[in-house]
PDB file of all heavy atoms in Angstrom:
ATOM      1  N   GLU A   1       3.208 -20.814  16.697  1.00  0.00           N
ATOM      2  CA  GLU A   1       2.706 -21.945  15.928  1.00  0.00           C
ATOM      3  C   GLU A   1       1.198 -22.103  16.055  1.00  0.00           C
ATOM      4  O   GLU A   1       0.519 -22.447  15.078  1.00  0.00           O
ATOM      5  CB  GLU A   1       3.404 -23.226  16.398  1.00  0.00           C
ATOM      6  CG  GLU A   1       4.892 -23.245  16.116  1.00  0.00           C
ATOM      7  CD  GLU A   1       5.551 -24.529  16.572  1.00  0.00           C
ATOM      8  OE1 GLU A   1       4.828 -25.388  17.119  1.00  0.00           O
ATOM      9  OE2 GLU A   1       6.763 -24.665  16.389  1.00  0.00           O
ATOM     10  N   ASP A   2       0.665 -21.880  17.227  1.00  0.00           N
ATOM     11  CA  ASP A   2      -0.779 -22.028  17.405  1.00  0.00           C
ATOM     12  C   ASP A   2      -1.556 -21.034  16.550  1.00  0.00           C
ATOM     13  O   ASP A   2      -2.577 -21.379  15.927  1.00  0.00           O
ATOM     14  CB  ASP A   2      -1.147 -21.835  18.872  1.00  0.00           C
ATOM     15  CG  ASP A   2      -0.635 -22.968  19.742  1.00  0.00           C
ATOM     16  OD1 ASP A   2      -0.351 -24.052  19.165  1.00  0.00           O
ATOM     17  OD2 ASP A   2      -0.523 -22.775  20.960  1.00  0.00           O
ATOM     18  N   LYS A   3      -1.059 -19.809  16.484  1.00  0.00           N
ATOM     19  CA  LYS A   3      -1.739 -18.788  15.699  1.00  0.00           C
ATOM     20  C   LYS A   3      -1.652 -19.104  14.204  1.00  0.00           C
ATOM     21  O   LYS A   3      -2.619 -18.912  13.454  1.00  0.00           O
ATOM     22  CB  LYS A   3      -1.137 -17.414  15.996  1.00  0.00           C
ATOM     23  CG  LYS A   3      -1.937 -16.266  15.399  1.00  0.00           C
ATOM     24  CD  LYS A   3      -1.388 -14.918  15.869  1.00  0.00           C
ATOM     25  CE  LYS A   3      -2.226 -13.770  15.321  1.00  0.00           C
ATOM     26  NZ  LYS A   3      -1.758 -12.447  15.781  1.00  0.00           N
ATOM     27  N   VAL A   4      -0.476 -19.612  13.799  1.00  0.00           N
ATOM     28  CA  VAL A   4      -0.313 -20.001  12.393  1.00  0.00           C
ATOM     29  C   VAL A   4      -1.310 -21.102  12.033  1.00  0.00           C
ATOM     30  O   VAL A   4      -1.953 -21.077  10.984  1.00  0.00           O
ATOM     31  CB  VAL A   4       1.133 -20.471  12.131  1.00  0.00           C
ATOM     32  CG1 VAL A   4       1.237 -21.114  10.754  1.00  0.00           C
ATOM     33  CG2 VAL A   4       2.097 -19.301  12.241  1.00  0.00           C
ATOM     34  N   ARG A   5      -1.449 -22.089  12.939  1.00  0.00           N
ATOM     35  CA  ARG A   5      -2.362 -23.199  12.677  1.00  0.00           C
ATOM     36  C   ARG A   5      -3.809 -22.702  12.591  1.00  0.00           C
ATOM     37  O   ARG A   5      -4.581 -23.114  11.727  1.00  0.00           O
ATOM     38  CB  ARG A   5      -2.229 -24.234  13.784  1.00  0.00           C
ATOM     39  CG  ARG A   5      -3.051 -25.489  13.540  1.00  0.00           C
ATOM     40  CD  ARG A   5      -2.567 -26.655  14.396  1.00  0.00           C
ATOM     41  NE  ARG A   5      -2.349 -26.272  15.789  1.00  0.00           N
ATOM     42  CZ  ARG A   5      -1.142 -26.152  16.356  1.00  0.00           C
ATOM     43  NH1 ARG A   5      -0.043 -26.399  15.654  1.00  0.00           N
ATOM     44  NH2 ARG A   5      -1.012 -25.821  17.633  1.00  0.00           N
ATOM     45  N   GLU A   6      -4.178 -21.774  13.436  1.00  0.00           N
ATOM     46  CA  GLU A   6      -5.541 -21.233  13.428  1.00  0.00           C
ATOM     47  C   GLU A   6      -5.815 -20.487  12.122  1.00  0.00           C
ATOM     48  O   GLU A   6      -6.868 -20.655  11.505  1.00  0.00           O
ATOM     49  CB  GLU A   6      -5.717 -20.294  14.622  1.00  0.00           C
ATOM     50  CG  GLU A   6      -7.080 -19.626  14.687  1.00  0.00           C
ATOM     51  CD  GLU A   6      -7.162 -18.661  15.850  1.00  0.00           C
ATOM     52  OE1 GLU A   6      -6.289 -18.734  16.752  1.00  0.00           O
ATOM     53  OE2 GLU A   6      -8.076 -17.813  15.859  1.00  0.00           O
ATOM     54  N   ARG A   7      -4.852 -19.669  11.716  1.00  0.00           N
ATOM     55  CA  ARG A   7      -5.033 -18.908  10.475  1.00  0.00           C
ATOM     56  C   ARG A   7      -5.060 -19.833   9.249  1.00  0.00           C
ATOM     57  O   ARG A   7      -5.796 -19.585   8.293  1.00  0.00           O
ATOM     58  CB  ARG A   7      -3.899 -17.887  10.329  1.00  0.00           C
ATOM     59  CG  ARG A   7      -3.927 -16.785  11.365  1.00  0.00           C
ATOM     60  CD  ARG A   7      -5.118 -15.862  11.135  1.00  0.00           C
ATOM     61  NE  ARG A   7      -5.042 -14.697  11.986  1.00  0.00           N
ATOM     62  CZ  ARG A   7      -6.001 -14.330  12.832  1.00  0.00           C
ATOM     63  NH1 ARG A   7      -7.088 -15.065  12.934  1.00  0.00           N
ATOM     64  NH2 ARG A   7      -5.870 -13.258  13.564  1.00  0.00           N
ATOM     65  N   THR A   8      -4.260 -20.879   9.304  1.00  0.00           N
ATOM     66  CA  THR A   8      -4.229 -21.821   8.182  1.00  0.00           C
ATOM     67  C   THR A   8      -5.575 -22.509   8.014  1.00  0.00           C
ATOM     68  O   THR A   8      -6.077 -22.675   6.891  1.00  0.00           O
ATOM     69  CB  THR A   8      -3.126 -22.869   8.390  1.00  0.00           C
ATOM     70  OG1 THR A   8      -1.866 -22.206   8.501  1.00  0.00           O
ATOM     71  CG2 THR A   8      -3.090 -23.841   7.223  1.00  0.00           C
ATOM     72  N   GLU A   9      -6.187 -22.896   9.114  1.00  0.00           N
ATOM     73  CA  GLU A   9      -7.500 -23.535   9.046  1.00  0.00           C
ATOM     74  C   GLU A   9      -8.548 -22.591   8.467  1.00  0.00           C
ATOM     75  O   GLU A   9      -9.396 -22.994   7.664  1.00  0.00           O
ATOM     76  CB  GLU A   9      -7.922 -24.000  10.445  1.00  0.00           C
ATOM     77  CG  GLU A   9      -7.095 -25.168  10.977  1.00  0.00           C
ATOM     78  CD  GLU A   9      -7.425 -25.495  12.420  1.00  0.00           C
ATOM     79  OE1 GLU A   9      -8.257 -24.744  13.023  1.00  0.00           O
ATOM     80  OE2 GLU A   9      -6.878 -26.486  12.941  1.00  0.00           O
ATOM     81  N   ALA A  10      -8.466 -21.315   8.876  1.00  0.00           N
ATOM     82  CA  ALA A  10      -9.418 -20.337   8.342  1.00  0.00           C
ATOM     83  C   ALA A  10      -9.212 -20.138   6.842  1.00  0.00           C
ATOM     84  O   ALA A  10     -10.162 -19.984   6.064  1.00  0.00           O
ATOM     85  CB  ALA A  10      -9.267 -19.003   9.081  1.00  0.00           C
ATOM     86  N   LEU A  11      -7.935 -20.152   6.446  1.00  0.00           N
ATOM     87  CA  LEU A  11      -7.611 -19.984   5.024  1.00  0.00           C
ATOM     88  C   LEU A  11      -8.143 -21.150   4.202  1.00  0.00           C
ATOM     89  O   LEU A  11      -8.698 -20.959   3.105  1.00  0.00           O
ATOM     90  CB  LEU A  11      -6.096 -19.867   4.868  1.00  0.00           C
ATOM     91  CG  LEU A  11      -5.571 -19.709   3.429  1.00  0.00           C
ATOM     92  CD1 LEU A  11      -6.120 -18.440   2.804  1.00  0.00           C
ATOM     93  CD2 LEU A  11      -4.055 -19.712   3.413  1.00  0.00           C
ATOM     94  N   GLU A  12      -7.988 -22.362   4.727  1.00  0.00           N
ATOM     95  CA  GLU A  12      -8.486 -23.530   3.997  1.00  0.00           C
ATOM     96  C   GLU A  12      -9.999 -23.473   3.833  1.00  0.00           C
ATOM     97  O   GLU A  12     -10.543 -23.835   2.788  1.00  0.00           O
ATOM     98  CB  GLU A  12      -8.074 -24.801   4.738  1.00  0.00           C
ATOM     99  CG  GLU A  12      -6.576 -25.097   4.657  1.00  0.00           C
ATOM    100  CD  GLU A  12      -6.179 -26.291   5.501  1.00  0.00           C
ATOM    101  OE1 GLU A  12      -7.043 -26.760   6.283  1.00  0.00           O
ATOM    102  OE2 GLU A  12      -5.029 -26.745   5.382  1.00  0.00           O
ATOM    103  N   GLN A  13     -10.681 -23.026   4.876  1.00  0.00           N
ATOM    104  CA  GLN A  13     -12.132 -22.900   4.795  1.00  0.00           C
ATOM    105  C   GLN A  13     -12.531 -21.864   3.739  1.00  0.00           C
ATOM    106  O   GLN A  13     -13.466 -22.074   2.959  1.00  0.00           O
ATOM    107  CB  GLN A  13     -12.700 -22.505   6.159  1.00  0.00           C
ATOM    108  CG  GLN A  13     -14.222 -22.417   6.180  1.00  0.00           C
ATOM    109  CD  GLN A  13     -14.749 -22.068   7.563  1.00  0.00           C
ATOM    110  OE1 GLN A  13     -13.980 -21.849   8.486  1.00  0.00           O
ATOM    111  NE2 GLN A  13     -16.058 -22.022   7.692  1.00  0.00           N
ATOM    112  N   ALA A  14     -11.804 -20.737   3.719  1.00  0.00           N
ATOM    113  CA  ALA A  14     -12.108 -19.698   2.727  1.00  0.00           C
ATOM    114  C   ALA A  14     -11.851 -20.203   1.315  1.00  0.00           C
ATOM    115  O   ALA A  14     -12.626 -19.943   0.390  1.00  0.00           O
ATOM    116  CB  ALA A  14     -11.270 -18.454   3.001  1.00  0.00           C
ATOM    117  N   ASN A  15     -10.737 -20.937   1.149  1.00  0.00           N
ATOM    118  CA  ASN A  15     -10.432 -21.472  -0.187  1.00  0.00           C
ATOM    119  C   ASN A  15     -11.481 -22.478  -0.636  1.00  0.00           C
ATOM    120  O   ASN A  15     -11.822 -22.556  -1.827  1.00  0.00           O
ATOM    121  CB  ASN A  15      -9.049 -22.134  -0.178  1.00  0.00           C
ATOM    122  CG  ASN A  15      -7.926 -21.124  -0.228  1.00  0.00           C
ATOM    123  OD1 ASN A  15      -8.119 -20.008  -0.704  1.00  0.00           O
ATOM    124  ND2 ASN A  15      -6.756 -21.504   0.270  1.00  0.00           N
ATOM    125  N   GLY A  16     -12.002 -23.268   0.330  1.00  0.00           N
ATOM    126  CA  GLY A  16     -13.055 -24.218  -0.024  1.00  0.00           C
ATOM    127  C   GLY A  16     -14.305 -23.502  -0.513  1.00  0.00           C
ATOM    128  O   GLY A  16     -14.940 -23.912  -1.484  1.00  0.00           O
ATOM    129  N   SER A  17     -14.653 -22.410   0.166  1.00  0.00           N
ATOM    130  CA  SER A  17     -15.817 -21.625  -0.251  1.00  0.00           C
ATOM    131  C   SER A  17     -15.579 -20.988  -1.614  1.00  0.00           C
ATOM    132  O   SER A  17     -16.480 -20.919  -2.460  1.00  0.00           O
ATOM    133  CB  SER A  17     -16.116 -20.536   0.788  1.00  0.00           C
ATOM    134  OG  SER A  17     -16.409 -21.110   2.043  1.00  0.00           O
ATOM    135  N   LEU A  18     -14.352 -20.517  -1.843  1.00  0.00           N
ATOM    136  CA  LEU A  18     -14.020 -19.905  -3.126  1.00  0.00           C
ATOM    137  C   LEU A  18     -14.114 -20.928  -4.256  1.00  0.00           C
ATOM    138  O   LEU A  18     -14.639 -20.640  -5.341  1.00  0.00           O
ATOM    139  CB  LEU A  18     -12.602 -19.324  -3.067  1.00  0.00           C
ATOM    140  CG  LEU A  18     -12.084 -18.627  -4.327  1.00  0.00           C
ATOM    141  CD1 LEU A  18     -12.961 -17.437  -4.681  1.00  0.00           C
ATOM    142  CD2 LEU A  18     -10.633 -18.185  -4.125  1.00  0.00           C
ATOM    143  N   LYS A  19     -13.630 -22.131  -4.000  1.00  0.00           N
ATOM    144  CA  LYS A  19     -13.703 -23.186  -5.015  1.00  0.00           C
ATOM    145  C   LYS A  19     -15.147 -23.516  -5.347  1.00  0.00           C
ATOM    146  O   LYS A  19     -15.525 -23.696  -6.508  1.00  0.00           O
ATOM    147  CB  LYS A  19     -12.972 -24.441  -4.518  1.00  0.00           C
ATOM    148  CG  LYS A  19     -12.953 -25.576  -5.528  1.00  0.00           C
ATOM    149  CD  LYS A  19     -12.188 -26.773  -4.991  1.00  0.00           C
ATOM    150  CE  LYS A  19     -12.178 -27.913  -6.014  1.00  0.00           C
ATOM    151  NZ  LYS A  19     -11.446 -29.098  -5.491  1.00  0.00           N
ATOM    152  N   HIS A  20     -15.988 -23.581  -4.289  1.00  0.00           N
ATOM    153  CA  HIS A  20     -17.407 -23.878  -4.510  1.00  0.00           C
ATOM    154  C   HIS A  20     -18.063 -22.782  -5.344  1.00  0.00           C
ATOM    155  O   HIS A  20     -18.857 -23.065  -6.263  1.00  0.00           O
ATOM    156  CB  HIS A  20     -18.115 -24.004  -3.166  1.00  0.00           C
ATOM    157  CG  HIS A  20     -19.586 -24.252  -3.273  1.00  0.00           C
ATOM    158  ND1 HIS A  20     -20.107 -25.439  -3.740  1.00  0.00           N
ATOM    159  CD2 HIS A  20     -20.653 -23.444  -2.991  1.00  0.00           C
ATOM    160  CE1 HIS A  20     -21.421 -25.376  -3.740  1.00  0.00           C
ATOM    161  NE2 HIS A  20     -21.778 -24.181  -3.295  1.00  0.00           N
ATOM    162  N   ALA A  21     -17.733 -21.524  -5.039  1.00  0.00           N
ATOM    163  CA  ALA A  21     -18.303 -20.416  -5.810  1.00  0.00           C
ATOM    164  C   ALA A  21     -17.855 -20.474  -7.266  1.00  0.00           C
ATOM    165  O   ALA A  21     -18.648 -20.226  -8.184  1.00  0.00           O
ATOM    166  CB  ALA A  21     -17.886 -19.082  -5.184  1.00  0.00           C
ATOM    167  N   ASN A  22     -16.579 -20.810  -7.491  1.00  0.00           N
ATOM    168  CA  ASN A  22     -16.082 -20.912  -8.864  1.00  0.00           C
ATOM    169  C   ASN A  22     -16.765 -22.036  -9.630  1.00  0.00           C
ATOM    170  O   ASN A  22     -17.052 -21.910 -10.832  1.00  0.00           O
ATOM    171  CB  ASN A  22     -14.561 -21.129  -8.855  1.00  0.00           C
ATOM    172  CG  ASN A  22     -13.794 -19.855  -8.592  1.00  0.00           C
ATOM    173  OD1 ASN A  22     -14.269 -18.772  -8.923  1.00  0.00           O
ATOM    174  ND2 ASN A  22     -12.624 -19.970  -7.992  1.00  0.00           N
ATOM    175  N   GLU A  23     -17.027 -23.143  -8.957  1.00  0.00           N
ATOM    176  CA  GLU A  23     -17.715 -24.252  -9.616  1.00  0.00           C
ATOM    177  C   GLU A  23     -19.127 -23.847 -10.017  1.00  0.00           C
ATOM    178  O   GLU A  23     -19.610 -24.225 -11.085  1.00  0.00           O
ATOM    179  CB  GLU A  23     -17.757 -25.477  -8.687  1.00  0.00           C
ATOM    180  CG  GLU A  23     -16.414 -26.170  -8.504  1.00  0.00           C
ATOM    181  CD  GLU A  23     -15.843 -26.671  -9.825  1.00  0.00           C
ATOM    182  OE1 GLU A  23     -16.622 -27.157 -10.675  1.00  0.00           O
ATOM    183  OE2 GLU A  23     -14.617 -26.550 -10.020  1.00  0.00           O
ATOM    184  N   ARG A  24     -19.779 -23.071  -9.153  1.00  0.00           N
ATOM    185  CA  ARG A  24     -21.121 -22.594  -9.487  1.00  0.00           C
ATOM    186  C   ARG A  24     -21.069 -21.677 -10.708  1.00  0.00           C
ATOM    187  O   ARG A  24     -21.944 -21.746 -11.584  1.00  0.00           O
ATOM    188  CB  ARG A  24     -21.716 -21.844  -8.289  1.00  0.00           C
ATOM    189  CG  ARG A  24     -22.145 -22.719  -7.135  1.00  0.00           C
ATOM    190  CD  ARG A  24     -23.407 -23.513  -7.464  1.00  0.00           C
ATOM    191  NE  ARG A  24     -24.517 -22.628  -7.813  1.00  0.00           N
ATOM    192  CZ  ARG A  24     -25.331 -22.065  -6.930  1.00  0.00           C
ATOM    193  NH1 ARG A  24     -25.152 -22.313  -5.633  1.00  0.00           N
ATOM    194  NH2 ARG A  24     -26.322 -21.282  -7.316  1.00  0.00           N
ATOM    195  N   LEU A  25     -20.063 -20.819 -10.764  1.00  0.00           N
ATOM    196  CA  LEU A  25     -19.923 -19.925 -11.914  1.00  0.00           C
ATOM    197  C   LEU A  25     -19.690 -20.718 -13.200  1.00  0.00           C
ATOM    198  O   LEU A  25     -20.262 -20.407 -14.252  1.00  0.00           O
ATOM    199  CB  LEU A  25     -18.761 -18.947 -11.682  1.00  0.00           C
ATOM    200  CG  LEU A  25     -19.032 -17.795 -10.723  1.00  0.00           C
ATOM    201  CD1 LEU A  25     -17.758 -17.007 -10.485  1.00  0.00           C
ATOM    202  CD2 LEU A  25     -20.125 -16.890 -11.277  1.00  0.00           C
ATOM    203  N   LYS A  26     -18.835 -21.753 -13.128  1.00  0.00           N
ATOM    204  CA  LYS A  26     -18.587 -22.583 -14.307  1.00  0.00           C
ATOM    205  C   LYS A  26     -19.872 -23.265 -14.770  1.00  0.00           C
ATOM    206  O   LYS A  26     -20.135 -23.360 -15.972  1.00  0.00           O
ATOM    207  CB  LYS A  26     -17.524 -23.633 -13.989  1.00  0.00           C
ATOM    208  CG  LYS A  26     -16.116 -23.075 -13.850  1.00  0.00           C
ATOM    209  CD  LYS A  26     -15.124 -24.196 -13.519  1.00  0.00           C
ATOM    210  CE  LYS A  26     -13.717 -23.654 -13.347  1.00  0.00           C
ATOM    211  NZ  LYS A  26     -12.764 -24.733 -12.992  1.00  0.00           N
ATOM    212  N   GLN A  27     -20.643 -23.756 -13.805  1.00  0.00           N
ATOM    213  CA  GLN A  27     -21.890 -24.445 -14.152  1.00  0.00           C
ATOM    214  C   GLN A  27     -22.865 -23.479 -14.830  1.00  0.00           C
ATOM    215  O   GLN A  27     -23.489 -23.822 -15.833  1.00  0.00           O
ATOM    216  CB  GLN A  27     -22.514 -25.035 -12.891  1.00  0.00           C
ATOM    217  CG  GLN A  27     -23.767 -25.866 -13.172  1.00  0.00           C
ATOM    218  CD  GLN A  27     -24.325 -26.478 -11.901  1.00  0.00           C
ATOM    219  OE1 GLN A  27     -23.921 -26.118 -10.806  1.00  0.00           O
ATOM    220  NE2 GLN A  27     -25.254 -27.389 -12.047  1.00  0.00           N
ATOM    221  N   ASN A  28     -22.993 -22.273 -14.280  1.00  0.00           N
ATOM    222  CA  ASN A  28     -23.878 -21.286 -14.886  1.00  0.00           C
ATOM    223  C   ASN A  28     -23.404 -20.893 -16.280  1.00  0.00           C
ATOM    224  O   ASN A  28     -24.216 -20.668 -17.187  1.00  0.00           O
ATOM    225  CB  ASN A  28     -23.968 -20.039 -14.000  1.00  0.00           C
ATOM    226  CG  ASN A  28     -24.792 -20.282 -12.753  1.00  0.00           C
ATOM    227  OD1 ASN A  28     -25.580 -21.216 -12.693  1.00  0.00           O
ATOM    228  ND2 ASN A  28     -24.610 -19.446 -11.744  1.00  0.00           N
ATOM    229  N   PHE A  29     -22.085 -20.812 -16.457  1.00  0.00           N
ATOM    230  CA  PHE A  29     -21.537 -20.464 -17.764  1.00  0.00           C
ATOM    231  C   PHE A  29     -21.874 -21.537 -18.783  1.00  0.00           C
ATOM    232  O   PHE A  29     -22.261 -21.243 -19.926  1.00  0.00           O
ATOM    233  CB  PHE A  29     -20.014 -20.291 -17.648  1.00  0.00           C
ATOM    234  CG  PHE A  29     -19.351 -19.885 -18.932  1.00  0.00           C
ATOM    235  CD1 PHE A  29     -19.541 -18.616 -19.449  1.00  0.00           C
ATOM    236  CD2 PHE A  29     -18.538 -20.761 -19.622  1.00  0.00           C
ATOM    237  CE1 PHE A  29     -18.935 -18.227 -20.621  1.00  0.00           C
ATOM    238  CE2 PHE A  29     -17.929 -20.383 -20.793  1.00  0.00           C
ATOM    239  CZ  PHE A  29     -18.123 -19.113 -21.286  1.00  0.00           C
ATOM    240  N   LEU A  30     -21.762 -22.811 -18.378  1.00  0.00           N
ATOM    241  CA  LEU A  30     -22.077 -23.903 -19.300  1.00  0.00           C
ATOM    242  C   LEU A  30     -23.562 -23.906 -19.650  1.00  0.00           C
ATOM    243  O   LEU A  30     -23.936 -24.179 -20.798  1.00  0.00           O
ATOM    244  CB  LEU A  30     -21.676 -25.239 -18.681  1.00  0.00           C
ATOM    245  CG  LEU A  30     -21.766 -26.469 -19.605  1.00  0.00           C
ATOM    246  CD1 LEU A  30     -20.932 -26.263 -20.851  1.00  0.00           C
ATOM    247  CD2 LEU A  30     -21.324 -27.717 -18.869  1.00  0.00           C
ATOM    248  N   VAL A  31     -24.409 -23.586 -18.680  1.00  0.00           N
ATOM    249  CA  VAL A  31     -25.839 -23.496 -18.964  1.00  0.00           C
ATOM    250  C   VAL A  31     -26.104 -22.398 -20.000  1.00  0.00           C
ATOM    251  O   VAL A  31     -26.919 -22.562 -20.915  1.00  0.00           O
ATOM    252  CB  VAL A  31     -26.629 -23.222 -17.666  1.00  0.00           C
ATOM    253  CG1 VAL A  31     -28.086 -22.863 -17.981  1.00  0.00           C
ATOM    254  CG2 VAL A  31     -26.583 -24.435 -16.766  1.00  0.00           C
ATOM    255  N   SER A  32     -25.393 -21.287 -19.873  1.00  0.00           N
ATOM    256  CA  SER A  32     -25.539 -20.207 -20.844  1.00  0.00           C
ATOM    257  C   SER A  32     -25.114 -20.659 -22.240  1.00  0.00           C
ATOM    258  O   SER A  32     -25.756 -20.321 -23.241  1.00  0.00           O
ATOM    259  CB  SER A  32     -24.706 -18.996 -20.412  1.00  0.00           C
ATOM    260  OG  SER A  32     -25.125 -18.516 -19.158  1.00  0.00           O
ATOM    261  N   ILE A  33     -24.028 -21.419 -22.313  1.00  0.00           N
ATOM    262  CA  ILE A  33     -23.556 -21.924 -23.606  1.00  0.00           C
ATOM    263  C   ILE A  33     -24.618 -22.826 -24.228  1.00  0.00           C
ATOM    264  O   ILE A  33     -24.910 -22.732 -25.438  1.00  0.00           O
ATOM    265  CB  ILE A  33     -22.238 -22.701 -23.425  1.00  0.00           C
ATOM    266  CG1 ILE A  33     -21.109 -21.754 -23.033  1.00  0.00           C
ATOM    267  CG2 ILE A  33     -21.872 -23.439 -24.699  1.00  0.00           C
ATOM    268  CD1 ILE A  33     -20.785 -20.703 -24.051  1.00  0.00           C
ATOM    269  N   LYS A  34     -25.200 -23.716 -23.435  1.00  0.00           N
ATOM    270  CA  LYS A  34     -26.216 -24.625 -23.975  1.00  0.00           C
ATOM    271  C   LYS A  34     -27.430 -23.849 -24.470  1.00  0.00           C
ATOM    272  O   LYS A  34     -28.035 -24.199 -25.490  1.00  0.00           O
ATOM    273  CB  LYS A  34     -26.622 -25.643 -22.897  1.00  0.00           C
ATOM    274  CG  LYS A  34     -25.522 -26.644 -22.567  1.00  0.00           C
ATOM    275  CD  LYS A  34     -25.948 -27.600 -21.458  1.00  0.00           C
ATOM    276  CE  LYS A  34     -24.841 -28.604 -21.145  1.00  0.00           C
ATOM    277  NZ  LYS A  34     -25.213 -29.519 -20.043  1.00  0.00           N
TER     278      LYS A  34
END
């Protein structure tokens, strides 16, 4: 259980970074459209 909890926390952090990167891509795409 401890190892699962550690890996889960790392996964959440990675997903947060991925979401942030995707938001940046969306913003750049909208700037291109404008």
